Amino acid sequence: MLDDDSSLSSSAAIPFPTLTILYLPSEANTVVEEVGQKYPNSTVEECIGFFHGVQKHYKKVTIWSQGIDSLWLNAVVARAKELAGVEFVTLVSGGIMYLL
């Protein structure tokens, strides 16, 4: 029989993955490849929609991980913005949408 304390400690030890979604312009294909190499638990979807007010192709990159290195993510976003010539990249993490 398990007491309440042991069941709590065992459930607290299970790390829950986080879901992060990046919406990257198709001009940033090299960034998409880098994300896939660093986080193998990711998917890429080809999409067409309005990106920065203009209808164009973009990639929806979904990453399942135990946490994402924020310095690495900031560098990826900066490079994607530079490659695509856009002012921001849309990111969803923890159910909150960010424009970075």
PDB file of N, CA and C in Angstrom:
ATOM      1  N   MET A   1       0.840  -1.180   0.000  1.00  0.00           N
ATOM      2  CA  MET A   1       0.000   0.000   0.000  1.00  0.00           C
ATOM      3  C   MET A   1       0.886   1.244   0.000  1.00  0.00           C
ATOM      4  N   LEU A   2       0.578   2.198  -0.886  1.00  0.00           N
ATOM      5  CA  LEU A   2       1.334   3.434  -0.979  1.00  0.00           C
ATOM      6  C   LEU A   2       0.692   4.496  -0.116  1.00  0.00           C
ATOM      7  N   ASP A   3       1.515   5.220   0.614  1.00  0.00           N
ATOM      8  CA  ASP A   3       0.958   6.342   1.356  1.00  0.00           C
ATOM      9  C   ASP A   3       0.938   7.572   0.452  1.00  0.00           C
ATOM     10  N   ASP A   4       0.255   8.595   0.888  1.00  0.00           N
ATOM     11  CA  ASP A   4       0.080   9.791   0.063  1.00  0.00           C
ATOM     12  C   ASP A   4       1.406  10.473  -0.260  1.00  0.00           C
ATOM     13  N   ASP A   5       2.355  10.456   0.680  1.00  0.00           N
ATOM     14  CA  ASP A   5       3.641  11.116   0.452  1.00  0.00           C
ATOM     15  C   ASP A   5       4.435  10.439  -0.653  1.00  0.00           C
ATOM     16  N   SER A   6       4.440   9.118  -0.702  1.00  0.00           N
ATOM     17  CA  SER A   6       5.231   8.431  -1.730  1.00  0.00           C
ATOM     18  C   SER A   6       4.612   8.622  -3.111  1.00  0.00           C
ATOM     19  N   SER A   7       3.293   8.654  -3.209  1.00  0.00           N
ATOM     20  CA  SER A   7       2.677   8.852  -4.516  1.00  0.00           C
ATOM     21  C   SER A   7       2.908  10.270  -5.019  1.00  0.00           C
ATOM     22  N   LEU A   8       2.955  11.245  -4.125  1.00  0.00           N
ATOM     23  CA  LEU A   8       3.238  12.613  -4.536  1.00  0.00           C
ATOM     24  C   LEU A   8       4.668  12.757  -5.014  1.00  0.00           C
ATOM     25  N   SER A   9       5.602  12.162  -4.316  1.00  0.00           N
ATOM     26  CA  SER A   9       6.995  12.314  -4.713  1.00  0.00           C
ATOM     27  C   SER A   9       7.263  11.607  -6.031  1.00  0.00           C
ATOM     28  N   SER A  10       6.617  10.481  -6.276  1.00  0.00           N
ATOM     29  CA  SER A  10       6.850   9.791  -7.539  1.00  0.00           C
ATOM     30  C   SER A  10       6.227  10.561  -8.701  1.00  0.00           C
ATOM     31  N   SER A  11       5.083  11.178  -8.511  1.00  0.00           N
ATOM     32  CA  SER A  11       4.481  11.944  -9.594  1.00  0.00           C
ATOM     33  C   SER A  11       5.228  13.248  -9.826  1.00  0.00           C
ATOM     34  N   ALA A  12       5.828  13.813  -8.799  1.00  0.00           N
ATOM     35  CA  ALA A  12       6.582  15.051  -8.951  1.00  0.00           C
ATOM     36  C   ALA A  12       7.877  14.800  -9.718  1.00  0.00           C
ATOM     37  N   ALA A  13       8.354  13.565  -9.731  1.00  0.00           N
ATOM     38  CA  ALA A  13       9.600  13.254 -10.412  1.00  0.00           C
ATOM     39  C   ALA A  13       9.406  13.085 -11.924  1.00  0.00           C
ATOM     40  N   ILE A  14       8.186  12.987 -12.381  1.00  0.00           N
ATOM     41  CA  ILE A  14       7.926  12.810 -13.807  1.00  0.00           C
ATOM     42  C   ILE A  14       7.973  14.181 -14.478  1.00  0.00           C
ATOM     43  N   PRO A  15       8.952  14.388 -15.359  1.00  0.00           N
ATOM     44  CA  PRO A  15       9.022  15.684 -16.048  1.00  0.00           C
ATOM     45  C   PRO A  15       7.964  15.761 -17.137  1.00  0.00           C
ATOM     46  N   PHE A  16       7.265  16.857 -17.189  1.00  0.00           N
ATOM     47  CA  PHE A  16       6.237  17.046 -18.197  1.00  0.00           C
ATOM     48  C   PHE A  16       6.816  17.834 -19.359  1.00  0.00           C
ATOM     49  N   PRO A  17       6.655  17.350 -20.570  1.00  0.00           N
ATOM     50  CA  PRO A  17       7.200  18.083 -21.723  1.00  0.00           C
ATOM     51  C   PRO A  17       6.435  19.372 -21.973  1.00  0.00           C
ATOM     52  N   THR A  18       7.127  20.306 -22.557  1.00  0.00           N
ATOM     53  CA  THR A  18       6.485  21.554 -22.946  1.00  0.00           C
ATOM     54  C   THR A  18       6.327  21.561 -24.461  1.00  0.00           C
ATOM     55  N   LEU A  19       5.371  22.267 -24.923  1.00  0.00           N
ATOM     56  CA  LEU A  19       5.097  22.396 -26.347  1.00  0.00           C
ATOM     57  C   LEU A  19       5.437  23.818 -26.758  1.00  0.00           C
ATOM     58  N   THR A  20       6.304  23.942 -27.744  1.00  0.00           N
ATOM     59  CA  THR A  20       6.671  25.243 -28.283  1.00  0.00           C
ATOM     60  C   THR A  20       6.426  25.210 -29.783  1.00  0.00           C
ATOM     61  N   ILE A  21       5.785  26.227 -30.300  1.00  0.00           N
ATOM     62  CA  ILE A  21       5.498  26.303 -31.730  1.00  0.00           C
ATOM     63  C   ILE A  21       6.118  27.580 -32.285  1.00  0.00           C
ATOM     64  N   LEU A  22       6.914  27.413 -33.338  1.00  0.00           N
ATOM     65  CA  LEU A  22       7.499  28.544 -34.055  1.00  0.00           C
ATOM     66  C   LEU A  22       6.846  28.639 -35.421  1.00  0.00           C
ATOM     67  N   TYR A  23       6.473  29.825 -35.817  1.00  0.00           N
ATOM     68  CA  TYR A  23       5.939  30.070 -37.152  1.00  0.00           C
ATOM     69  C   TYR A  23       7.027  30.799 -37.925  1.00  0.00           C
ATOM     70  N   LEU A  24       7.692  30.079 -38.836  1.00  0.00           N
ATOM     71  CA  LEU A  24       8.854  30.630 -39.521  1.00  0.00           C
ATOM     72  C   LEU A  24       8.584  30.826 -41.003  1.00  0.00           C
ATOM     73  N   PRO A  25       8.959  31.986 -41.533  1.00  0.00           N
ATOM     74  CA  PRO A  25       8.821  32.208 -42.980  1.00  0.00           C
ATOM     75  C   PRO A  25       9.629  31.157 -43.735  1.00  0.00           C
ATOM     76  N   SER A  26       9.174  30.792 -44.923  1.00  0.00           N
ATOM     77  CA  SER A  26       9.852  29.749 -45.693  1.00  0.00           C
ATOM     78  C   SER A  26      11.285  30.136 -46.058  1.00  0.00           C
ATOM     79  N   GLU A  27      11.615  31.413 -46.038  1.00  0.00           N
ATOM     80  CA  GLU A  27      12.983  31.853 -46.325  1.00  0.00           C
ATOM     81  C   GLU A  27      13.976  31.401 -45.245  1.00  0.00           C
ATOM     82  N   ALA A  28      13.467  30.952 -44.117  1.00  0.00           N
ATOM     83  CA  ALA A  28      14.317  30.533 -42.993  1.00  0.00           C
ATOM     84  C   ALA A  28      14.446  29.011 -42.911  1.00  0.00           C
ATOM     85  N   ASN A  29      14.539  28.341 -44.066  1.00  0.00           N
ATOM     86  CA  ASN A  29      14.630  26.875 -44.092  1.00  0.00           C
ATOM     87  C   ASN A  29      15.827  26.332 -43.311  1.00  0.00           C
ATOM     88  N   THR A  30      16.947  27.034 -43.339  1.00  0.00           N
ATOM     89  CA  THR A  30      18.123  26.546 -42.612  1.00  0.00           C
ATOM     90  C   THR A  30      17.873  26.527 -41.107  1.00  0.00           C
ATOM     91  N   VAL A  31      17.084  27.468 -40.633  1.00  0.00           N
ATOM     92  CA  VAL A  31      16.732  27.512 -39.213  1.00  0.00           C
ATOM     93  C   VAL A  31      15.846  26.313 -38.864  1.00  0.00           C
ATOM     94  N   VAL A  32      14.918  25.982 -39.747  1.00  0.00           N
ATOM     95  CA  VAL A  32      14.038  24.827 -39.517  1.00  0.00           C
ATOM     96  C   VAL A  32      14.863  23.560 -39.404  1.00  0.00           C
ATOM     97  N   GLU A  33      15.859  23.395 -40.261  1.00  0.00           N
ATOM     98  CA  GLU A  33      16.730  22.217 -40.204  1.00  0.00           C
ATOM     99  C   GLU A  33      17.500  22.165 -38.895  1.00  0.00           C
ATOM    100  N   GLU A  34      17.988  23.308 -38.427  1.00  0.00           N
ATOM    101  CA  GLU A  34      18.737  23.350 -37.168  1.00  0.00           C
ATOM    102  C   GLU A  34      17.859  22.951 -35.986  1.00  0.00           C
ATOM    103  N   VAL A  35      16.612  23.412 -35.979  1.00  0.00           N
ATOM    104  CA  VAL A  35      15.689  23.038 -34.898  1.00  0.00           C
ATOM    105  C   VAL A  35      15.504  21.525 -34.880  1.00  0.00           C
ATOM    106  N   GLY A  36      15.321  20.920 -36.051  1.00  0.00           N
ATOM    107  CA  GLY A  36      15.144  19.473 -36.139  1.00  0.00           C
ATOM    108  C   GLY A  36      16.345  18.694 -35.663  1.00  0.00           C
ATOM    109  N   GLN A  37      17.547  19.227 -35.884  1.00  0.00           N
ATOM    110  CA  GLN A  37      18.759  18.559 -35.415  1.00  0.00           C
ATOM    111  C   GLN A  37      18.896  18.643 -33.906  1.00  0.00           C
ATOM    112  N   LYS A  38      18.565  19.784 -33.337  1.00  0.00           N
ATOM    113  CA  LYS A  38      18.708  19.961 -31.887  1.00  0.00           C
ATOM    114  C   LYS A  38      17.585  19.269 -31.120  1.00  0.00           C
ATOM    115  N   TYR A  39      16.370  19.310 -31.657  1.00  0.00           N
ATOM    116  CA  TYR A  39      15.214  18.718 -30.986  1.00  0.00           C
ATOM    117  C   TYR A  39      14.564  17.696 -31.917  1.00  0.00           C
ATOM    118  N   PRO A  40      14.971  16.416 -31.808  1.00  0.00           N
ATOM    119  CA  PRO A  40      14.402  15.397 -32.699  1.00  0.00           C
ATOM    120  C   PRO A  40      12.906  15.168 -32.469  1.00  0.00           C
ATOM    121  N   ASN A  41      12.385  15.561 -31.327  1.00  0.00           N
ATOM    122  CA  ASN A  41      10.946  15.437 -31.058  1.00  0.00           C
ATOM    123  C   ASN A  41      10.228  16.680 -31.570  1.00  0.00           C
ATOM    124  N   SER A  42      10.389  16.932 -32.861  1.00  0.00           N
ATOM    125  CA  SER A  42       9.732  18.096 -33.456  1.00  0.00           C
ATOM    126  C   SER A  42       9.107  17.693 -34.785  1.00  0.00           C
ATOM    127  N   THR A  43       8.120  18.473 -35.183  1.00  0.00           N
ATOM    128  CA  THR A  43       7.471  18.250 -36.484  1.00  0.00           C
ATOM    129  C   THR A  43       7.463  19.564 -37.245  1.00  0.00           C
ATOM    130  N   VAL A  44       7.407  19.456 -38.575  1.00  0.00           N
ATOM    131  CA  VAL A  44       7.356  20.630 -39.436  1.00  0.00           C
ATOM    132  C   VAL A  44       6.176  20.469 -40.378  1.00  0.00           C
ATOM    133  N   GLU A  45       5.343  21.498 -40.440  1.00  0.00           N
ATOM    134  CA  GLU A  45       4.199  21.509 -41.348  1.00  0.00           C
ATOM    135  C   GLU A  45       4.355  22.655 -42.333  1.00  0.00           C
ATOM    136  N   GLU A  46       4.165  22.355 -43.602  1.00  0.00           N
ATOM    137  CA  GLU A  46       4.156  23.386 -44.643  1.00  0.00           C
ATOM    138  C   GLU A  46       2.786  24.059 -44.611  1.00  0.00           C
ATOM    139  N   CYS A  47       2.758  25.373 -44.552  1.00  0.00           N
ATOM    140  CA  CYS A  47       1.495  26.102 -44.458  1.00  0.00           C
ATOM    141  C   CYS A  47       1.485  27.280 -45.427  1.00  0.00           C
ATOM    142  N   ILE A  48       0.297  27.704 -45.786  1.00  0.00           N
ATOM    143  CA  ILE A  48       0.101  28.937 -46.542  1.00  0.00           C
ATOM    144  C   ILE A  48      -0.896  29.763 -45.749  1.00  0.00           C
ATOM    145  N   GLY A  49      -0.552  30.991 -45.517  1.00  0.00           N
ATOM    146  CA  GLY A  49      -1.445  31.856 -44.764  1.00  0.00           C
ATOM    147  C   GLY A  49      -0.889  33.265 -44.728  1.00  0.00           C
ATOM    148  N   PHE A  50      -1.501  34.072 -43.918  1.00  0.00           N
ATOM    149  CA  PHE A  50      -1.061  35.454 -43.810  1.00  0.00           C
ATOM    150  C   PHE A  50       0.037  35.548 -42.779  1.00  0.00           C
ATOM    151  N   PHE A  51       1.181  35.983 -43.223  1.00  0.00           N
ATOM    152  CA  PHE A  51       2.353  36.124 -42.377  1.00  0.00           C
ATOM    153  C   PHE A  51       2.818  37.551 -42.538  1.00  0.00           C
ATOM    154  N   HIS A  52       2.751  38.323 -41.492  1.00  0.00           N
ATOM    155  CA  HIS A  52       3.099  39.740 -41.535  1.00  0.00           C
ATOM    156  C   HIS A  52       2.207  40.497 -42.513  1.00  0.00           C
ATOM    157  N   GLY A  53       0.938  40.101 -42.560  1.00  0.00           N
ATOM    158  CA  GLY A  53      -0.033  40.811 -43.383  1.00  0.00           C
ATOM    159  C   GLY A  53      -0.027  40.461 -44.852  1.00  0.00           C
ATOM    160  N   VAL A  54       0.832  39.526 -45.265  1.00  0.00           N
ATOM    161  CA  VAL A  54       0.926  39.133 -46.666  1.00  0.00           C
ATOM    162  C   VAL A  54       0.754  37.623 -46.747  1.00  0.00           C
ATOM    163  N   GLN A  55      -0.044  37.163 -47.705  1.00  0.00           N
ATOM    164  CA  GLN A  55      -0.218  35.725 -47.856  1.00  0.00           C
ATOM    165  C   GLN A  55       1.054  35.124 -48.445  1.00  0.00           C
ATOM    166  N   LYS A  56       1.622  34.117 -47.742  1.00  0.00           N
ATOM    167  CA  LYS A  56       2.851  33.489 -48.195  1.00  0.00           C
ATOM    168  C   LYS A  56       3.016  32.120 -47.563  1.00  0.00           C
ATOM    169  N   HIS A  57       4.046  31.425 -47.971  1.00  0.00           N
ATOM    170  CA  HIS A  57       4.374  30.120 -47.399  1.00  0.00           C
ATOM    171  C   HIS A  57       5.148  30.319 -46.100  1.00  0.00           C
ATOM    172  N   TYR A  58       4.863  29.478 -45.124  1.00  0.00           N
ATOM    173  CA  TYR A  58       5.620  29.480 -43.883  1.00  0.00           C
ATOM    174  C   TYR A  58       5.638  28.067 -43.334  1.00  0.00           C
ATOM    175  N   LYS A  59       6.460  27.859 -42.325  1.00  0.00           N
ATOM    176  CA  LYS A  59       6.560  26.550 -41.697  1.00  0.00           C
ATOM    177  C   LYS A  59       6.172  26.652 -40.239  1.00  0.00           C
ATOM    178  N   LYS A  60       5.317  25.734 -39.827  1.00  0.00           N
ATOM    179  CA  LYS A  60       4.914  25.638 -38.425  1.00  0.00           C
ATOM    180  C   LYS A  60       5.771  24.534 -37.812  1.00  0.00           C
ATOM    181  N   VAL A  61       6.673  24.915 -36.919  1.00  0.00           N
ATOM    182  CA  VAL A  61       7.599  23.981 -36.286  1.00  0.00           C
ATOM    183  C   VAL A  61       7.122  23.751 -34.851  1.00  0.00           C
ATOM    184  N   THR A  62       6.750  22.522 -34.547  1.00  0.00           N
ATOM    185  CA  THR A  62       6.271  22.167 -33.214  1.00  0.00           C
ATOM    186  C   THR A  62       7.347  21.347 -32.510  1.00  0.00           C
ATOM    187  N   ILE A  63       7.757  21.803 -31.326  1.00  0.00           N
ATOM    188  CA  ILE A  63       8.821  21.151 -30.570  1.00  0.00           C
ATOM    189  C   ILE A  63       8.248  20.641 -29.253  1.00  0.00           C
ATOM    190  N   TRP A  64       8.426  19.347 -28.991  1.00  0.00           N
ATOM    191  CA  TRP A  64       8.104  18.756 -27.687  1.00  0.00           C
ATOM    192  C   TRP A  64       9.423  18.566 -26.966  1.00  0.00           C
ATOM    193  N   SER A  65       9.580  19.160 -25.802  1.00  0.00           N
ATOM    194  CA  SER A  65      10.844  19.015 -25.076  1.00  0.00           C
ATOM    195  C   SER A  65      10.615  19.196 -23.583  1.00  0.00           C
ATOM    196  N   GLN A  66      11.648  18.884 -22.827  1.00  0.00           N
ATOM    197  CA  GLN A  66      11.612  19.098 -21.384  1.00  0.00           C
ATOM    198  C   GLN A  66      11.994  20.530 -21.039  1.00  0.00           C
ATOM    199  N   GLY A  67      12.309  21.298 -22.034  1.00  0.00           N
ATOM    200  CA  GLY A  67      12.691  22.698 -21.865  1.00  0.00           C
ATOM    201  C   GLY A  67      13.590  23.105 -23.010  1.00  0.00           C
ATOM    202  N   ILE A  68      13.509  24.332 -23.398  1.00  0.00           N
ATOM    203  CA  ILE A  68      14.300  24.826 -24.522  1.00  0.00           C
ATOM    204  C   ILE A  68      15.286  25.855 -23.996  1.00  0.00           C
ATOM    205  N   ASP A  69      16.522  25.741 -24.442  1.00  0.00           N
ATOM    206  CA  ASP A  69      17.580  26.681 -24.082  1.00  0.00           C
ATOM    207  C   ASP A  69      17.207  28.063 -24.629  1.00  0.00           C
ATOM    208  N   SER A  70      16.979  29.019 -23.747  1.00  0.00           N
ATOM    209  CA  SER A  70      16.489  30.335 -24.176  1.00  0.00           C
ATOM    210  C   SER A  70      17.522  31.104 -24.996  1.00  0.00           C
ATOM    211  N   LEU A  71      18.810  30.968 -24.696  1.00  0.00           N
ATOM    212  CA  LEU A  71      19.824  31.652 -25.500  1.00  0.00           C
ATOM    213  C   LEU A  71      19.837  31.102 -26.922  1.00  0.00           C
ATOM    214  N   TRP A  72      19.736  29.776 -27.037  1.00  0.00           N
ATOM    215  CA  TRP A  72      19.687  29.145 -28.353  1.00  0.00           C
ATOM    216  C   TRP A  72      18.446  29.608 -29.102  1.00  0.00           C
ATOM    217  N   LEU A  73      17.296  29.631 -28.436  1.00  0.00           N
ATOM    218  CA  LEU A  73      16.053  30.040 -29.074  1.00  0.00           C
ATOM    219  C   LEU A  73      16.126  31.486 -29.543  1.00  0.00           C
ATOM    220  N   ASN A  74      16.686  32.367 -28.743  1.00  0.00           N
ATOM    221  CA  ASN A  74      16.826  33.769 -29.148  1.00  0.00           C
ATOM    222  C   ASN A  74      17.708  33.897 -30.386  1.00  0.00           C
ATOM    223  N   ALA A  75      18.780  33.102 -30.455  1.00  0.00           N
ATOM    224  CA  ALA A  75      19.659  33.127 -31.619  1.00  0.00           C
ATOM    225  C   ALA A  75      18.930  32.608 -32.863  1.00  0.00           C
ATOM    226  N   VAL A  76      18.133  31.554 -32.704  1.00  0.00           N
ATOM    227  CA  VAL A  76      17.360  30.993 -33.812  1.00  0.00           C
ATOM    228  C   VAL A  76      16.364  32.020 -34.331  1.00  0.00           C
ATOM    229  N   VAL A  77      15.672  32.687 -33.437  1.00  0.00           N
ATOM    230  CA  VAL A  77      14.686  33.699 -33.835  1.00  0.00           C
ATOM    231  C   VAL A  77      15.380  34.865 -34.548  1.00  0.00           C
ATOM    232  N   ALA A  78      16.511  35.309 -34.020  1.00  0.00           N
ATOM    233  CA  ALA A  78      17.237  36.421 -34.647  1.00  0.00           C
ATOM    234  C   ALA A  78      17.685  36.054 -36.058  1.00  0.00           C
ATOM    235  N   ARG A  79      18.187  34.831 -36.232  1.00  0.00           N
ATOM    236  CA  ARG A  79      18.629  34.396 -37.551  1.00  0.00           C
ATOM    237  C   ARG A  79      17.452  34.254 -38.518  1.00  0.00           C
ATOM    238  N   ALA A  80      16.320  33.742 -38.030  1.00  0.00           N
ATOM    239  CA  ALA A  80      15.123  33.609 -38.876  1.00  0.00           C
ATOM    240  C   ALA A  80      14.645  34.985 -39.327  1.00  0.00           C
ATOM    241  N   LYS A  81      14.652  35.959 -38.426  1.00  0.00           N
ATOM    242  CA  LYS A  81      14.241  37.320 -38.789  1.00  0.00           C
ATOM    243  C   LYS A  81      15.171  37.912 -39.839  1.00  0.00           C
ATOM    244  N   GLU A  82      16.456  37.671 -39.676  1.00  0.00           N
ATOM    245  CA  GLU A  82      17.433  38.191 -40.630  1.00  0.00           C
ATOM    246  C   GLU A  82      17.260  37.537 -42.003  1.00  0.00           C
ATOM    247  N   LEU A  83      17.149  36.207 -42.035  1.00  0.00           N
ATOM    248  CA  LEU A  83      17.001  35.488 -43.307  1.00  0.00           C
ATOM    249  C   LEU A  83      15.725  35.877 -44.048  1.00  0.00           C
ATOM    250  N   ALA A  84      14.639  36.067 -43.307  1.00  0.00           N
ATOM    251  CA  ALA A  84      13.340  36.358 -43.926  1.00  0.00           C
ATOM    252  C   ALA A  84      13.088  37.851 -44.110  1.00  0.00           C
ATOM    253  N   GLY A  85      13.902  38.690 -43.490  1.00  0.00           N
ATOM    254  CA  GLY A  85      13.695  40.131 -43.599  1.00  0.00           C
ATOM    255  C   GLY A  85      12.412  40.593 -42.934  1.00  0.00           C
ATOM    256  N   VAL A  86      12.095  40.004 -41.774  1.00  0.00           N
ATOM    257  CA  VAL A  86      10.880  40.375 -41.047  1.00  0.00           C
ATOM    258  C   VAL A  86      11.255  40.994 -39.700  1.00  0.00           C
ATOM    259  N   GLU A  87      10.313  41.719 -39.124  1.00  0.00           N
ATOM    260  CA  GLU A  87      10.570  42.393 -37.850  1.00  0.00           C
ATOM    261  C   GLU A  87      10.347  41.505 -36.645  1.00  0.00           C
ATOM    262  N   PHE A  88       9.514  40.459 -36.789  1.00  0.00           N
ATOM    263  CA  PHE A  88       9.257  39.571 -35.663  1.00  0.00           C
ATOM    264  C   PHE A  88       8.921  38.177 -36.159  1.00  0.00           C
ATOM    265  N   VAL A  89       9.067  37.215 -35.255  1.00  0.00           N
ATOM    266  CA  VAL A  89       8.684  35.822 -35.483  1.00  0.00           C
ATOM    267  C   VAL A  89       7.679  35.466 -34.403  1.00  0.00           C
ATOM    268  N   THR A  90       6.619  34.779 -34.789  1.00  0.00           N
ATOM    269  CA  THR A  90       5.586  34.385 -33.840  1.00  0.00           C
ATOM    270  C   THR A  90       5.974  33.066 -33.187  1.00  0.00           C
ATOM    271  N   LEU A  91       5.798  33.008 -31.874  1.00  0.00           N
ATOM    272  CA  LEU A  91       6.143  31.836 -31.078  1.00  0.00           C
ATOM    273  C   LEU A  91       5.024  31.601 -30.073  1.00  0.00           C
ATOM    274  N   VAL A  92       4.643  30.342 -29.905  1.00  0.00           N
ATOM    275  CA  VAL A  92       3.663  29.979 -28.879  1.00  0.00           C
ATOM    276  C   VAL A  92       4.334  29.016 -27.919  1.00  0.00           C
ATOM    277  N   SER A  93       4.301  29.338 -26.644  1.00  0.00           N
ATOM    278  CA  SER A  93       4.896  28.467 -25.630  1.00  0.00           C
ATOM    279  C   SER A  93       4.066  28.581 -24.360  1.00  0.00           C
ATOM    280  N   GLY A  94       3.732  27.435 -23.801  1.00  0.00           N
ATOM    281  CA  GLY A  94       2.937  27.428 -22.586  1.00  0.00           C
ATOM    282  C   GLY A  94       1.565  28.041 -22.771  1.00  0.00           C
ATOM    283  N   GLY A  95       1.040  27.973 -23.981  1.00  0.00           N
ATOM    284  CA  GLY A  95      -0.291  28.513 -24.265  1.00  0.00           C
ATOM    285  C   GLY A  95      -0.315  30.019 -24.457  1.00  0.00           C
ATOM    286  N   ILE A  96       0.849  30.660 -24.498  1.00  0.00           N
ATOM    287  CA  ILE A  96       0.932  32.113 -24.668  1.00  0.00           C
ATOM    288  C   ILE A  96       1.625  32.418 -25.976  1.00  0.00           C
ATOM    289  N   MET A  97       1.061  33.347 -26.751  1.00  0.00           N
ATOM    290  CA  MET A  97       1.665  33.732 -28.020  1.00  0.00           C
ATOM    291  C   MET A  97       2.570  34.934 -27.802  1.00  0.00           C
ATOM    292  N   TYR A  98       3.771  34.843 -28.389  1.00  0.00           N
ATOM    293  CA  TYR A  98       4.772  35.916 -28.300  1.00  0.00           C
ATOM    294  C   TYR A  98       5.143  36.352 -29.704  1.00  0.00           C
ATOM    295  N   LEU A  99       5.483  37.604 -29.854  1.00  0.00           N
ATOM    296  CA  LEU A  99       6.071  38.115 -31.083  1.00  0.00           C
ATOM    297  C   LEU A  99       7.481  38.529 -30.729  1.00  0.00           C
ATOM    298  N   LEU A 100       8.461  37.754 -31.181  1.00  0.00           N
ATOM    299  CA  LEU A 100       9.864  38.027 -30.847  1.00  0.00           C
ATOM    300  C   LEU A 100      10.575  38.655 -32.012  1.00  0.00           C
TER     301      LEU A 100
END
